[in-house]
Amino acid sequence: MTILAETWEYPRIGNNREIKKALKAFFTGKLETDALLQTVPALKNMVKSATVRQQETNAS
């Protein structure tokens, strides 16, 4: 039995595509698992901070 898989595109999450770069580095062996798992929470914090700032600006 042969199973074929195809990835169309990396996710483009982050202003500088941080998740794409982290995944690529991980799959090529240049990034450890712990560093990969730290990338997503760091981006979530960045997005949350930006959202709060935007809401504060809109409320003014």
N, C-alpha and C. Protein backbone atom coordinates (compact mmCIF):
# COMPACT_ATOMS: atom_id res chain seq x y z
N MET A 1 0.85 -1.18 0.00
CA MET A 1 0.00 0.00 0.00
C MET A 1 0.89 1.24 0.00
N THR A 2 0.63 2.15 -0.90
CA THR A 2 1.41 3.37 -1.01
C THR A 2 0.54 4.56 -0.62
N ILE A 3 1.06 5.38 0.28
CA ILE A 3 0.34 6.58 0.69
C ILE A 3 1.14 7.79 0.21
N LEU A 4 0.50 8.64 -0.53
CA LEU A 4 1.14 9.85 -1.03
C LEU A 4 0.60 11.05 -0.28
N ALA A 5 1.46 11.96 0.05
CA ALA A 5 1.04 13.18 0.75
C ALA A 5 1.67 14.38 0.05
N GLU A 6 0.96 15.47 0.07
CA GLU A 6 1.46 16.67 -0.58
C GLU A 6 1.13 17.89 0.27
N THR A 7 2.09 18.77 0.42
CA THR A 7 1.87 20.01 1.15
C THR A 7 1.85 21.13 0.12
N TRP A 8 0.76 21.84 0.07
CA TRP A 8 0.62 22.90 -0.93
C TRP A 8 1.43 24.13 -0.58
N GLU A 9 1.44 24.47 0.71
CA GLU A 9 2.08 25.71 1.08
C GLU A 9 2.26 25.76 2.59
N TYR A 10 3.31 26.43 3.04
CA TYR A 10 3.50 26.65 4.47
C TYR A 10 2.56 27.75 4.93
N PRO A 11 2.17 27.73 6.20
CA PRO A 11 1.35 28.84 6.70
C PRO A 11 2.15 30.14 6.72
N ARG A 12 1.47 31.24 6.46
CA ARG A 12 2.13 32.54 6.41
C ARG A 12 1.80 33.35 7.65
N ILE A 13 2.00 32.78 8.80
CA ILE A 13 1.62 33.45 10.04
C ILE A 13 2.81 34.22 10.58
N GLY A 14 2.54 35.48 10.92
CA GLY A 14 3.59 36.36 11.43
C GLY A 14 3.96 37.39 10.37
N ASN A 15 4.34 38.56 10.81
CA ASN A 15 4.71 39.62 9.86
C ASN A 15 5.84 39.19 8.95
N ASN A 16 6.76 38.42 9.48
CA ASN A 16 7.91 37.97 8.70
C ASN A 16 7.86 36.46 8.43
N ARG A 17 6.66 35.92 8.45
CA ARG A 17 6.45 34.48 8.21
C ARG A 17 7.27 33.61 9.16
N GLU A 18 7.20 33.95 10.44
CA GLU A 18 8.00 33.26 11.44
C GLU A 18 7.68 31.78 11.53
N ILE A 19 6.40 31.42 11.44
CA ILE A 19 6.05 30.00 11.54
C ILE A 19 6.56 29.22 10.34
N LYS A 20 6.46 29.81 9.14
CA LYS A 20 6.98 29.16 7.94
C LYS A 20 8.47 28.89 8.09
N LYS A 21 9.19 29.92 8.55
CA LYS A 21 10.64 29.78 8.70
C LYS A 21 10.99 28.76 9.77
N ALA A 22 10.23 28.76 10.87
CA ALA A 22 10.49 27.81 11.94
C ALA A 22 10.22 26.38 11.48
N LEU A 23 9.12 26.17 10.76
CA LEU A 23 8.82 24.82 10.25
C LEU A 23 9.88 24.35 9.27
N LYS A 24 10.30 25.21 8.38
CA LYS A 24 11.32 24.84 7.40
C LYS A 24 12.63 24.48 8.11
N ALA A 25 13.01 25.29 9.09
CA ALA A 25 14.25 25.01 9.84
C ALA A 25 14.12 23.70 10.60
N PHE A 26 12.95 23.43 11.17
CA PHE A 26 12.74 22.19 11.92
C PHE A 26 12.87 20.97 11.01
N PHE A 27 12.22 21.02 9.85
CA PHE A 27 12.23 19.86 8.96
C PHE A 27 13.58 19.64 8.28
N THR A 28 14.42 20.67 8.22
CA THR A 28 15.76 20.49 7.67
C THR A 28 16.78 20.17 8.75
N GLY A 29 16.32 20.09 10.01
CA GLY A 29 17.19 19.71 11.10
C GLY A 29 17.97 20.85 11.72
N LYS A 30 17.63 22.09 11.37
CA LYS A 30 18.36 23.25 11.89
C LYS A 30 17.73 23.82 13.15
N LEU A 31 16.58 23.31 13.55
CA LEU A 31 15.86 23.83 14.71
C LEU A 31 15.38 22.67 15.57
N GLU A 32 15.58 22.78 16.86
CA GLU A 32 15.15 21.75 17.80
C GLU A 32 13.65 21.85 18.05
N THR A 33 13.06 20.79 18.55
CA THR A 33 11.62 20.74 18.84
C THR A 33 11.20 21.81 19.82
N ASP A 34 11.99 22.01 20.87
CA ASP A 34 11.63 23.02 21.88
C ASP A 34 11.55 24.42 21.27
N ALA A 35 12.49 24.76 20.41
CA ALA A 35 12.48 26.08 19.78
C ALA A 35 11.27 26.23 18.86
N LEU A 36 10.91 25.16 18.17
CA LEU A 36 9.73 25.20 17.30
C LEU A 36 8.48 25.44 18.13
N LEU A 37 8.35 24.75 19.24
CA LEU A 37 7.17 24.89 20.09
C LEU A 37 7.10 26.25 20.77
N GLN A 38 8.22 26.94 20.91
CA GLN A 38 8.22 28.28 21.50
C GLN A 38 7.83 29.35 20.48
N THR A 39 7.93 29.06 19.21
CA THR A 39 7.63 30.04 18.17
C THR A 39 6.16 30.43 18.17
N VAL A 40 5.28 29.48 18.26
CA VAL A 40 3.84 29.76 18.19
C VAL A 40 3.35 30.59 19.37
N PRO A 41 3.67 30.25 20.62
CA PRO A 41 3.22 31.11 21.72
C PRO A 41 3.78 32.52 21.63
N ALA A 42 5.02 32.65 21.17
CA ALA A 42 5.60 33.99 21.03
C ALA A 42 4.81 34.82 20.03
N LEU A 43 4.39 34.19 18.94
CA LEU A 43 3.58 34.90 17.94
C LEU A 43 2.21 35.25 18.49
N LYS A 44 1.63 34.34 19.26
CA LYS A 44 0.32 34.62 19.84
C LYS A 44 0.40 35.84 20.76
N ASN A 45 1.48 35.95 21.54
CA ASN A 45 1.66 37.10 22.42
C ASN A 45 1.81 38.38 21.61
N MET A 46 2.54 38.32 20.49
CA MET A 46 2.72 39.49 19.64
C MET A 46 1.38 39.95 19.07
N VAL A 47 0.58 39.00 18.60
CA VAL A 47 -0.72 39.33 18.01
C VAL A 47 -1.65 39.90 19.07
N LYS A 48 -1.64 39.30 20.26
CA LYS A 48 -2.49 39.78 21.34
C LYS A 48 -2.13 41.21 21.72
N SER A 49 -0.84 41.50 21.83
CA SER A 49 -0.39 42.85 22.17
C SER A 49 -0.80 43.85 21.10
N ALA A 50 -0.64 43.47 19.86
CA ALA A 50 -1.00 44.36 18.75
C ALA A 50 -2.50 44.61 18.73
N THR A 51 -3.29 43.59 19.02
CA THR A 51 -4.75 43.73 19.05
C THR A 51 -5.18 44.67 20.17
N VAL A 52 -4.57 44.53 21.33
CA VAL A 52 -4.90 45.40 22.47
C VAL A 52 -4.55 46.85 22.13
N ARG A 53 -3.37 47.07 21.55
CA ARG A 53 -2.97 48.43 21.17
C ARG A 53 -3.93 49.02 20.15
N GLN A 54 -4.37 48.21 19.19
CA GLN A 54 -5.29 48.69 18.17
C GLN A 54 -6.63 49.05 18.79
N GLN A 55 -7.11 48.22 19.71
CA GLN A 55 -8.38 48.50 20.38
C GLN A 55 -8.28 49.78 21.22
N GLU A 56 -7.15 49.98 21.89
CA GLU A 56 -6.97 51.19 22.69
C GLU A 56 -6.93 52.43 21.79
N THR A 57 -6.31 52.30 20.63
CA THR A 57 -6.25 53.43 19.69
C THR A 57 -7.62 53.75 19.13
N ASN A 58 -8.38 52.73 18.82
CA ASN A 58 -9.74 52.93 18.28
C ASN A 58 -10.69 53.50 19.32
N ALA A 59 -10.45 53.17 20.58
CA ALA A 59 -11.33 53.65 21.67
C ALA A 59 -11.07 55.12 21.97
N SER A 60 -9.90 55.62 21.64
CA SER A 60 -9.55 57.02 21.94
C SER A 60 -10.26 58.00 21.04
